[in-house]
Amino acid sequence: MIRSEEDLKWKDLETGCVISDAGNASQYRTGDWRSLQPVWDKTKCIRCGVCFLFCPDAAIRKTSEGYFEADLYYCKGCGICVQECITGCITMVEEEE
């Protein structure tokens, strides 16, 4: 049964369903909450994208060179990327003013 978006409740979503609209989350500068920021060492990075996959805020983006970096507008400095990095190329550093 196809329903309109307004009628769709979270309990009705099928497993693995992806909601394409992020609502208004993109309007909030959550990076201002951060006191630490992730920094990548490109000499150790193998460009696997594990950091990108595990970031709970989708605050990691791929550069034109294929490496990854934090989008500091949204990065909250949680450090999950550091924990999940398989090569240990990401470290958390103090924010500078």
PDB file of N, CA and C in Angstrom:
ATOM      1  N   MET A   1       0.840  -1.177   0.000  1.00  0.00           N
ATOM      2  CA  MET A   1       0.000   0.000   0.000  1.00  0.00           C
ATOM      3  C   MET A   1       0.889   1.246   0.000  1.00  0.00           C
ATOM      4  N   ILE A   2       0.735   2.106  -0.967  1.00  0.00           N
ATOM      5  CA  ILE A   2       1.511   3.342  -1.038  1.00  0.00           C
ATOM      6  C   ILE A   2       0.738   4.419  -0.293  1.00  0.00           C
ATOM      7  N   ARG A   3       1.463   5.091   0.601  1.00  0.00           N
ATOM      8  CA  ARG A   3       0.846   6.161   1.376  1.00  0.00           C
ATOM      9  C   ARG A   3       1.606   7.453   1.144  1.00  0.00           C
ATOM     10  N   SER A   4       0.992   8.536   1.495  1.00  0.00           N
ATOM     11  CA  SER A   4       1.690   9.813   1.390  1.00  0.00           C
ATOM     12  C   SER A   4       2.688   9.919   2.532  1.00  0.00           C
ATOM     13  N   GLU A   5       3.681  10.789   2.386  1.00  0.00           N
ATOM     14  CA  GLU A   5       4.691  10.983   3.430  1.00  0.00           C
ATOM     15  C   GLU A   5       4.068  11.384   4.758  1.00  0.00           C
ATOM     16  N   GLU A   6       3.009  12.147   4.715  1.00  0.00           N
ATOM     17  CA  GLU A   6       2.371  12.614   5.938  1.00  0.00           C
ATOM     18  C   GLU A   6       1.779  11.459   6.741  1.00  0.00           C
ATOM     19  N   ASP A   7       1.339  10.407   6.051  1.00  0.00           N
ATOM     20  CA  ASP A   7       0.725   9.262   6.728  1.00  0.00           C
ATOM     21  C   ASP A   7       1.751   8.246   7.224  1.00  0.00           C
ATOM     22  N   LEU A   8       2.990   8.358   6.780  1.00  0.00           N
ATOM     23  CA  LEU A   8       4.008   7.370   7.114  1.00  0.00           C
ATOM     24  C   LEU A   8       4.556   7.598   8.522  1.00  0.00           C
ATOM     25  N   LYS A   9       4.483   6.614   9.373  1.00  0.00           N
ATOM     26  CA  LYS A   9       5.002   6.675  10.737  1.00  0.00           C
ATOM     27  C   LYS A   9       6.277   5.839  10.811  1.00  0.00           C
ATOM     28  N   TRP A  10       7.143   6.131  11.772  1.00  0.00           N
ATOM     29  CA  TRP A  10       8.418   5.427  11.866  1.00  0.00           C
ATOM     30  C   TRP A  10       8.221   3.929  12.041  1.00  0.00           C
ATOM     31  N   LYS A  11       7.164   3.505  12.691  1.00  0.00           N
ATOM     32  CA  LYS A  11       6.924   2.068  12.903  1.00  0.00           C
ATOM     33  C   LYS A  11       6.573   1.357  11.600  1.00  0.00           C
ATOM     34  N   ASP A  12       6.131   2.110  10.608  1.00  0.00           N
ATOM     35  CA  ASP A  12       5.732   1.533   9.331  1.00  0.00           C
ATOM     36  C   ASP A  12       6.897   1.354   8.358  1.00  0.00           C
ATOM     37  N   LEU A  13       8.065   1.922   8.693  1.00  0.00           N
ATOM     38  CA  LEU A  13       9.207   1.828   7.797  1.00  0.00           C
ATOM     39  C   LEU A  13       9.743   0.408   7.753  1.00  0.00           C
ATOM     40  N   GLU A  14      10.107  -0.039   6.582  1.00  0.00           N
ATOM     41  CA  GLU A  14      10.682  -1.371   6.441  1.00  0.00           C
ATOM     42  C   GLU A  14      12.142  -1.341   6.866  1.00  0.00           C
ATOM     43  N   THR A  15      12.669  -2.465   7.287  1.00  0.00           N
ATOM     44  CA  THR A  15      14.063  -2.567   7.685  1.00  0.00           C
ATOM     45  C   THR A  15      14.954  -2.175   6.513  1.00  0.00           C
ATOM     46  N   GLY A  16      15.915  -1.301   6.783  1.00  0.00           N
ATOM     47  CA  GLY A  16      16.836  -0.865   5.748  1.00  0.00           C
ATOM     48  C   GLY A  16      16.343   0.331   4.957  1.00  0.00           C
ATOM     49  N   CYS A  17      15.211   0.856   5.329  1.00  0.00           N
ATOM     50  CA  CYS A  17      14.651   2.013   4.630  1.00  0.00           C
ATOM     51  C   CYS A  17      15.514   3.244   4.887  1.00  0.00           C
ATOM     52  N   VAL A  18      15.731   4.046   3.864  1.00  0.00           N
ATOM     53  CA  VAL A  18      16.513   5.266   3.984  1.00  0.00           C
ATOM     54  C   VAL A  18      15.595   6.462   3.739  1.00  0.00           C
ATOM     55  N   ILE A  19      15.612   7.390   4.664  1.00  0.00           N
ATOM     56  CA  ILE A  19      14.847   8.616   4.499  1.00  0.00           C
ATOM     57  C   ILE A  19      15.761   9.620   3.812  1.00  0.00           C
ATOM     58  N   SER A  20      15.363  10.160   2.686  1.00  0.00           N
ATOM     59  CA  SER A  20      16.255  11.014   1.911  1.00  0.00           C
ATOM     60  C   SER A  20      16.307  12.456   2.410  1.00  0.00           C
ATOM     61  N   ASP A  21      15.282  12.928   3.066  1.00  0.00           N
ATOM     62  CA  ASP A  21      15.258  14.315   3.501  1.00  0.00           C
ATOM     63  C   ASP A  21      15.736  14.412   4.942  1.00  0.00           C
ATOM     64  N   ALA A  22      16.749  15.229   5.190  1.00  0.00           N
ATOM     65  CA  ALA A  22      17.322  15.349   6.533  1.00  0.00           C
ATOM     66  C   ALA A  22      16.544  16.326   7.406  1.00  0.00           C
ATOM     67  N   GLY A  23      15.426  16.783   6.942  1.00  0.00           N
ATOM     68  CA  GLY A  23      14.663  17.751   7.719  1.00  0.00           C
ATOM     69  C   GLY A  23      15.417  19.063   7.792  1.00  0.00           C
ATOM     70  N   ASN A  24      15.479  19.652   8.980  1.00  0.00           N
ATOM     71  CA  ASN A  24      16.167  20.932   9.107  1.00  0.00           C
ATOM     72  C   ASN A  24      17.528  20.800   9.787  1.00  0.00           C
ATOM     73  N   ALA A  25      18.044  19.584   9.936  1.00  0.00           N
ATOM     74  CA  ALA A  25      19.322  19.371  10.623  1.00  0.00           C
ATOM     75  C   ALA A  25      20.472  20.121   9.961  1.00  0.00           C
ATOM     76  N   SER A  26      20.441  20.260   8.654  1.00  0.00           N
ATOM     77  CA  SER A  26      21.540  20.931   7.957  1.00  0.00           C
ATOM     78  C   SER A  26      21.602  22.428   8.267  1.00  0.00           C
ATOM     79  N   GLN A  27      20.578  22.969   8.886  1.00  0.00           N
ATOM     80  CA  GLN A  27      20.551  24.393   9.205  1.00  0.00           C
ATOM     81  C   GLN A  27      21.262  24.715  10.518  1.00  0.00           C
ATOM     82  N   TYR A  28      21.597  23.708  11.297  1.00  0.00           N
ATOM     83  CA  TYR A  28      22.193  23.941  12.611  1.00  0.00           C
ATOM     84  C   TYR A  28      23.696  23.715  12.586  1.00  0.00           C
ATOM     85  N   ARG A  29      24.435  24.684  13.051  1.00  0.00           N
ATOM     86  CA  ARG A  29      25.892  24.614  13.091  1.00  0.00           C
ATOM     87  C   ARG A  29      26.318  23.859  14.356  1.00  0.00           C
ATOM     88  N   THR A  30      26.297  22.536  14.291  1.00  0.00           N
ATOM     89  CA  THR A  30      26.605  21.716  15.460  1.00  0.00           C
ATOM     90  C   THR A  30      28.099  21.674  15.753  1.00  0.00           C
ATOM     91  N   GLY A  31      28.924  22.116  14.821  1.00  0.00           N
ATOM     92  CA  GLY A  31      30.369  22.133  15.037  1.00  0.00           C
ATOM     93  C   GLY A  31      30.797  23.086  16.138  1.00  0.00           C
ATOM     94  N   ASP A  32      29.942  24.027  16.487  1.00  0.00           N
ATOM     95  CA  ASP A  32      30.272  24.960  17.562  1.00  0.00           C
ATOM     96  C   ASP A  32      30.309  24.298  18.932  1.00  0.00           C
ATOM     97  N   TRP A  33      29.825  23.069  19.038  1.00  0.00           N
ATOM     98  CA  TRP A  33      29.815  22.337  20.310  1.00  0.00           C
ATOM     99  C   TRP A  33      31.176  21.720  20.600  1.00  0.00           C
ATOM    100  N   ARG A  34      32.042  21.674  19.633  1.00  0.00           N
ATOM    101  CA  ARG A  34      33.279  20.896  19.670  1.00  0.00           C
ATOM    102  C   ARG A  34      34.382  21.594  20.460  1.00  0.00           C
ATOM    103  N   SER A  35      35.168  20.811  21.199  1.00  0.00           N
ATOM    104  CA  SER A  35      36.379  21.333  21.836  1.00  0.00           C
ATOM    105  C   SER A  35      37.623  20.634  21.270  1.00  0.00           C
ATOM    106  N   LEU A  36      37.424  19.475  20.641  1.00  0.00           N
ATOM    107  CA  LEU A  36      38.497  18.739  19.960  1.00  0.00           C
ATOM    108  C   LEU A  36      38.074  18.534  18.515  1.00  0.00           C
ATOM    109  N   GLN A  37      39.054  18.461  17.628  1.00  0.00           N
ATOM    110  CA  GLN A  37      38.734  18.188  16.229  1.00  0.00           C
ATOM    111  C   GLN A  37      39.639  17.099  15.680  1.00  0.00           C
ATOM    112  N   PRO A  38      39.114  16.283  14.748  1.00  0.00           N
ATOM    113  CA  PRO A  38      39.929  15.228  14.151  1.00  0.00           C
ATOM    114  C   PRO A  38      40.870  15.792  13.083  1.00  0.00           C
ATOM    115  N   VAL A  39      42.080  15.254  13.057  1.00  0.00           N
ATOM    116  CA  VAL A  39      43.072  15.630  12.049  1.00  0.00           C
ATOM    117  C   VAL A  39      43.624  14.343  11.446  1.00  0.00           C
ATOM    118  N   TRP A  40      43.696  14.280  10.111  1.00  0.00           N
ATOM    119  CA  TRP A  40      44.164  13.096   9.395  1.00  0.00           C
ATOM    120  C   TRP A  40      45.634  13.242   9.040  1.00  0.00           C
ATOM    121  N   ASP A  41      46.398  12.157   9.224  1.00  0.00           N
ATOM    122  CA  ASP A  41      47.782  12.075   8.772  1.00  0.00           C
ATOM    123  C   ASP A  41      47.752  11.354   7.425  1.00  0.00           C
ATOM    124  N   LYS A  42      47.933  12.097   6.339  1.00  0.00           N
ATOM    125  CA  LYS A  42      47.821  11.526   4.996  1.00  0.00           C
ATOM    126  C   LYS A  42      48.884  10.475   4.698  1.00  0.00           C
ATOM    127  N   THR A  43      49.980  10.477   5.464  1.00  0.00           N
ATOM    128  CA  THR A  43      51.016   9.460   5.223  1.00  0.00           C
ATOM    129  C   THR A  43      50.577   8.087   5.730  1.00  0.00           C
ATOM    130  N   LYS A  44      49.596   8.060   6.644  1.00  0.00           N
ATOM    131  CA  LYS A  44      49.082   6.790   7.171  1.00  0.00           C
ATOM    132  C   LYS A  44      47.731   6.402   6.579  1.00  0.00           C
ATOM    133  N   CYS A  45      47.019   7.385   6.033  1.00  0.00           N
ATOM    134  CA  CYS A  45      45.662   7.156   5.535  1.00  0.00           C
ATOM    135  C   CYS A  45      45.689   6.322   4.254  1.00  0.00           C
ATOM    136  N   ILE A  46      44.861   5.278   4.201  1.00  0.00           N
ATOM    137  CA  ILE A  46      44.765   4.438   3.004  1.00  0.00           C
ATOM    138  C   ILE A  46      43.483   4.742   2.211  1.00  0.00           C
ATOM    139  N   ARG A  47      42.782   5.795   2.592  1.00  0.00           N
ATOM    140  CA  ARG A  47      41.575   6.262   1.907  1.00  0.00           C
ATOM    141  C   ARG A  47      40.477   5.192   1.852  1.00  0.00           C
ATOM    142  N   CYS A  48      40.322   4.453   2.943  1.00  0.00           N
ATOM    143  CA  CYS A  48      39.340   3.369   2.979  1.00  0.00           C
ATOM    144  C   CYS A  48      37.919   3.862   3.212  1.00  0.00           C
ATOM    145  N   GLY A  49      37.750   5.002   3.875  1.00  0.00           N
ATOM    146  CA  GLY A  49      36.428   5.557   4.107  1.00  0.00           C
ATOM    147  C   GLY A  49      35.711   5.031   5.335  1.00  0.00           C
ATOM    148  N   VAL A  50      36.392   4.265   6.169  1.00  0.00           N
ATOM    149  CA  VAL A  50      35.758   3.745   7.381  1.00  0.00           C
ATOM    150  C   VAL A  50      35.322   4.906   8.281  1.00  0.00           C
ATOM    151  N   CYS A  51      36.128   5.927   8.371  1.00  0.00           N
ATOM    152  CA  CYS A  51      35.775   7.110   9.181  1.00  0.00           C
ATOM    153  C   CYS A  51      34.478   7.730   8.669  1.00  0.00           C
ATOM    154  N   PHE A  52      34.332   7.832   7.379  1.00  0.00           N
ATOM    155  CA  PHE A  52      33.147   8.378   6.744  1.00  0.00           C
ATOM    156  C   PHE A  52      31.912   7.550   7.081  1.00  0.00           C
ATOM    157  N   LEU A  53      32.073   6.236   7.029  1.00  0.00           N
ATOM    158  CA  LEU A  53      30.944   5.339   7.285  1.00  0.00           C
ATOM    159  C   LEU A  53      30.446   5.407   8.720  1.00  0.00           C
ATOM    160  N   PHE A  54      31.359   5.570   9.671  1.00  0.00           N
ATOM    161  CA  PHE A  54      30.976   5.533  11.077  1.00  0.00           C
ATOM    162  C   PHE A  54      30.617   6.886  11.678  1.00  0.00           C
ATOM    163  N   CYS A  55      30.851   7.966  10.973  1.00  0.00           N
ATOM    164  CA  CYS A  55      30.544   9.295  11.518  1.00  0.00           C
ATOM    165  C   CYS A  55      29.037   9.425  11.738  1.00  0.00           C
ATOM    166  N   PRO A  56      28.606   9.615  12.992  1.00  0.00           N
ATOM    167  CA  PRO A  56      27.168   9.675  13.262  1.00  0.00           C
ATOM    168  C   PRO A  56      26.490  10.945  12.752  1.00  0.00           C
ATOM    169  N   ASP A  57      27.263  11.942  12.387  1.00  0.00           N
ATOM    170  CA  ASP A  57      26.694  13.209  11.941  1.00  0.00           C
ATOM    171  C   ASP A  57      26.941  13.497  10.467  1.00  0.00           C
ATOM    172  N   ALA A  58      27.468  12.537   9.734  1.00  0.00           N
ATOM    173  CA  ALA A  58      27.802  12.740   8.318  1.00  0.00           C
ATOM    174  C   ALA A  58      28.651  13.993   8.149  1.00  0.00           C
ATOM    175  N   ALA A  59      29.609  14.165   9.053  1.00  0.00           N
ATOM    176  CA  ALA A  59      30.447  15.367   9.066  1.00  0.00           C
ATOM    177  C   ALA A  59      31.828  15.110   8.471  1.00  0.00           C
ATOM    178  N   ILE A  60      31.988  14.012   7.779  1.00  0.00           N
ATOM    179  CA  ILE A  60      33.266  13.718   7.123  1.00  0.00           C
ATOM    180  C   ILE A  60      33.020  13.713   5.627  1.00  0.00           C
ATOM    181  N   ARG A  61      33.885  14.401   4.908  1.00  0.00           N
ATOM    182  CA  ARG A  61      33.735  14.487   3.460  1.00  0.00           C
ATOM    183  C   ARG A  61      35.022  14.048   2.782  1.00  0.00           C
ATOM    184  N   LYS A  62      34.868  13.621   1.542  1.00  0.00           N
ATOM    185  CA  LYS A  62      36.006  13.174   0.738  1.00  0.00           C
ATOM    186  C   LYS A  62      36.573  14.373  -0.005  1.00  0.00           C
ATOM    187  N   THR A  63      37.903  14.505   0.008  1.00  0.00           N
ATOM    188  CA  THR A  63      38.548  15.596  -0.705  1.00  0.00           C
ATOM    189  C   THR A  63      38.740  15.219  -2.170  1.00  0.00           C
ATOM    190  N   SER A  64      39.157  16.168  -2.983  1.00  0.00           N
ATOM    191  CA  SER A  64      39.397  15.884  -4.400  1.00  0.00           C
ATOM    192  C   SER A  64      40.542  14.900  -4.602  1.00  0.00           C
ATOM    193  N   GLU A  65      41.428  14.776  -3.589  1.00  0.00           N
ATOM    194  CA  GLU A  65      42.544  13.823  -3.669  1.00  0.00           C
ATOM    195  C   GLU A  65      42.138  12.421  -3.219  1.00  0.00           C
ATOM    196  N   GLY A  66      40.898  12.267  -2.728  1.00  0.00           N
ATOM    197  CA  GLY A  66      40.435  10.959  -2.277  1.00  0.00           C
ATOM    198  C   GLY A  66      40.636  10.710  -0.789  1.00  0.00           C
ATOM    199  N   TYR A  67      41.222  11.675  -0.092  1.00  0.00           N
ATOM    200  CA  TYR A  67      41.371  11.567   1.356  1.00  0.00           C
ATOM    201  C   TYR A  67      40.089  12.063   2.021  1.00  0.00           C
ATOM    202  N   PHE A  68      40.045  11.955   3.331  1.00  0.00           N
ATOM    203  CA  PHE A  68      38.864  12.405   4.066  1.00  0.00           C
ATOM    204  C   PHE A  68      39.248  13.503   5.031  1.00  0.00           C
ATOM    205  N   GLU A  69      38.268  14.350   5.357  1.00  0.00           N
ATOM    206  CA  GLU A  69      38.478  15.434   6.314  1.00  0.00           C
ATOM    207  C   GLU A  69      37.155  15.725   6.994  1.00  0.00           C
ATOM    208  N   ALA A  70      37.235  16.368   8.142  1.00  0.00           N
ATOM    209  CA  ALA A  70      36.023  16.723   8.876  1.00  0.00           C
ATOM    210  C   ALA A  70      35.440  18.011   8.326  1.00  0.00           C
ATOM    211  N   ASP A  71      34.139  18.032   8.186  1.00  0.00           N
ATOM    212  CA  ASP A  71      33.432  19.267   7.877  1.00  0.00           C
ATOM    213  C   ASP A  71      33.185  19.922   9.228  1.00  0.00           C
ATOM    214  N   LEU A  72      34.004  20.895   9.570  1.00  0.00           N
ATOM    215  CA  LEU A  72      33.986  21.483  10.902  1.00  0.00           C
ATOM    216  C   LEU A  72      32.718  22.290  11.181  1.00  0.00           C
ATOM    217  N   TYR A  73      31.914  22.514  10.182  1.00  0.00           N
ATOM    218  CA  TYR A  73      30.617  23.166  10.392  1.00  0.00           C
ATOM    219  C   TYR A  73      29.690  22.229  11.176  1.00  0.00           C
ATOM    220  N   TYR A  74      29.844  20.899  10.950  1.00  0.00           N
ATOM    221  CA  TYR A  74      28.966  19.914  11.576  1.00  0.00           C
ATOM    222  C   TYR A  74      29.668  18.991  12.576  1.00  0.00           C
ATOM    223  N   CYS A  75      30.969  18.816  12.471  1.00  0.00           N
ATOM    224  CA  CYS A  75      31.697  17.886  13.345  1.00  0.00           C
ATOM    225  C   CYS A  75      31.576  18.320  14.807  1.00  0.00           C
ATOM    226  N   LYS A  76      31.146  17.385  15.660  1.00  0.00           N
ATOM    227  CA  LYS A  76      30.985  17.676  17.088  1.00  0.00           C
ATOM    228  C   LYS A  76      32.201  17.254  17.903  1.00  0.00           C
ATOM    229  N   GLY A  77      33.176  16.631  17.252  1.00  0.00           N
ATOM    230  CA  GLY A  77      34.386  16.219  17.958  1.00  0.00           C
ATOM    231  C   GLY A  77      34.188  15.000  18.835  1.00  0.00           C
ATOM    232  N   CYS A  78      33.298  14.104  18.440  1.00  0.00           N
ATOM    233  CA  CYS A  78      32.987  12.932  19.263  1.00  0.00           C
ATOM    234  C   CYS A  78      34.119  11.907  19.300  1.00  0.00           C
ATOM    235  N   GLY A  79      34.956  11.879  18.263  1.00  0.00           N
ATOM    236  CA  GLY A  79      36.086  10.963  18.224  1.00  0.00           C
ATOM    237  C   GLY A  79      35.776   9.557  17.737  1.00  0.00           C
ATOM    238  N   ILE A  80      34.582   9.317  17.264  1.00  0.00           N
ATOM    239  CA  ILE A  80      34.237   7.983  16.752  1.00  0.00           C
ATOM    240  C   ILE A  80      35.108   7.638  15.549  1.00  0.00           C
ATOM    241  N   CYS A  81      35.411   8.614  14.719  1.00  0.00           N
ATOM    242  CA  CYS A  81      36.269   8.370  13.554  1.00  0.00           C
ATOM    243  C   CYS A  81      37.646   7.867  14.002  1.00  0.00           C
ATOM    244  N   VAL A  82      38.155   8.418  15.094  1.00  0.00           N
ATOM    245  CA  VAL A  82      39.462   7.997  15.626  1.00  0.00           C
ATOM    246  C   VAL A  82      39.391   6.551  16.093  1.00  0.00           C
ATOM    247  N   GLN A  83      38.326   6.220  16.801  1.00  0.00           N
ATOM    248  CA  GLN A  83      38.150   4.856  17.332  1.00  0.00           C
ATOM    249  C   GLN A  83      38.034   3.833  16.210  1.00  0.00           C
ATOM    250  N   GLU A  84      37.384   4.193  15.121  1.00  0.00           N
ATOM    251  CA  GLU A  84      37.106   3.245  14.039  1.00  0.00           C
ATOM    252  C   GLU A  84      38.186   3.183  12.965  1.00  0.00           C
ATOM    253  N   CYS A  85      39.072   4.161  12.927  1.00  0.00           N
ATOM    254  CA  CYS A  85      40.120   4.194  11.896  1.00  0.00           C
ATOM    255  C   CYS A  85      41.026   2.969  12.014  1.00  0.00           C
ATOM    256  N   ILE A  86      41.146   2.222  10.931  1.00  0.00           N
ATOM    257  CA  ILE A  86      41.922   0.974  10.977  1.00  0.00           C
ATOM    258  C   ILE A  86      43.429   1.194  10.883  1.00  0.00           C
ATOM    259  N   THR A  87      43.854   2.373  10.459  1.00  0.00           N
ATOM    260  CA  THR A  87      45.292   2.631  10.354  1.00  0.00           C
ATOM    261  C   THR A  87      45.810   3.564  11.444  1.00  0.00           C
ATOM    262  N   GLY A  88      44.913   4.126  12.237  1.00  0.00           N
ATOM    263  CA  GLY A  88      45.334   5.054  13.288  1.00  0.00           C
ATOM    264  C   GLY A  88      45.823   6.386  12.752  1.00  0.00           C
ATOM    265  N   CYS A  89      45.307   6.785  11.600  1.00  0.00           N
ATOM    266  CA  CYS A  89      45.795   8.028  10.989  1.00  0.00           C
ATOM    267  C   CYS A  89      45.068   9.270  11.492  1.00  0.00           C
ATOM    268  N   ILE A  90      44.023   9.091  12.301  1.00  0.00           N
ATOM    269  CA  ILE A  90      43.261  10.246  12.783  1.00  0.00           C
ATOM    270  C   ILE A  90      43.555  10.455  14.259  1.00  0.00           C
ATOM    271  N   THR A  91      43.826  11.702  14.614  1.00  0.00           N
ATOM    272  CA  THR A  91      44.011  12.050  16.018  1.00  0.00           C
ATOM    273  C   THR A  91      43.119  13.248  16.346  1.00  0.00           C
ATOM    274  N   MET A  92      42.758  13.352  17.609  1.00  0.00           N
ATOM    275  CA  MET A  92      41.954  14.486  18.043  1.00  0.00           C
ATOM    276  C   MET A  92      42.896  15.535  18.623  1.00  0.00           C
ATOM    277  N   VAL A  93      42.735  16.772  18.185  1.00  0.00           N
ATOM    278  CA  VAL A  93      43.564  17.879  18.673  1.00  0.00           C
ATOM    279  C   VAL A  93      42.658  18.970  19.244  1.00  0.00           C
ATOM    280  N   GLU A  94      43.218  19.749  20.150  1.00  0.00           N
ATOM    281  CA  GLU A  94      42.482  20.862  20.770  1.00  0.00           C
ATOM    282  C   GLU A  94      42.087  21.873  19.710  1.00  0.00           C
ATOM    283  N   GLU A  95      40.900  22.394  19.855  1.00  0.00           N
ATOM    284  CA  GLU A  95      40.437  23.474  18.992  1.00  0.00           C
ATOM    285  C   GLU A  95      41.281  24.722  19.214  1.00  0.00           C
ATOM    286  N   GLU A  96      41.556  25.434  18.158  1.00  0.00           N
ATOM    287  CA  GLU A  96      42.247  26.711  18.265  1.00  0.00           C
ATOM    288  C   GLU A  96      41.244  27.820  18.044  1.00  0.00           C
ATOM    289  N   GLU A  97      41.428  28.934  18.708  1.00  0.00           N
ATOM    290  CA  GLU A  97      40.486  30.040  18.534  1.00  0.00           C
ATOM    291  C   GLU A  97      40.900  30.951  17.425  1.00  0.00           C
TER     292      GLU A  97
END
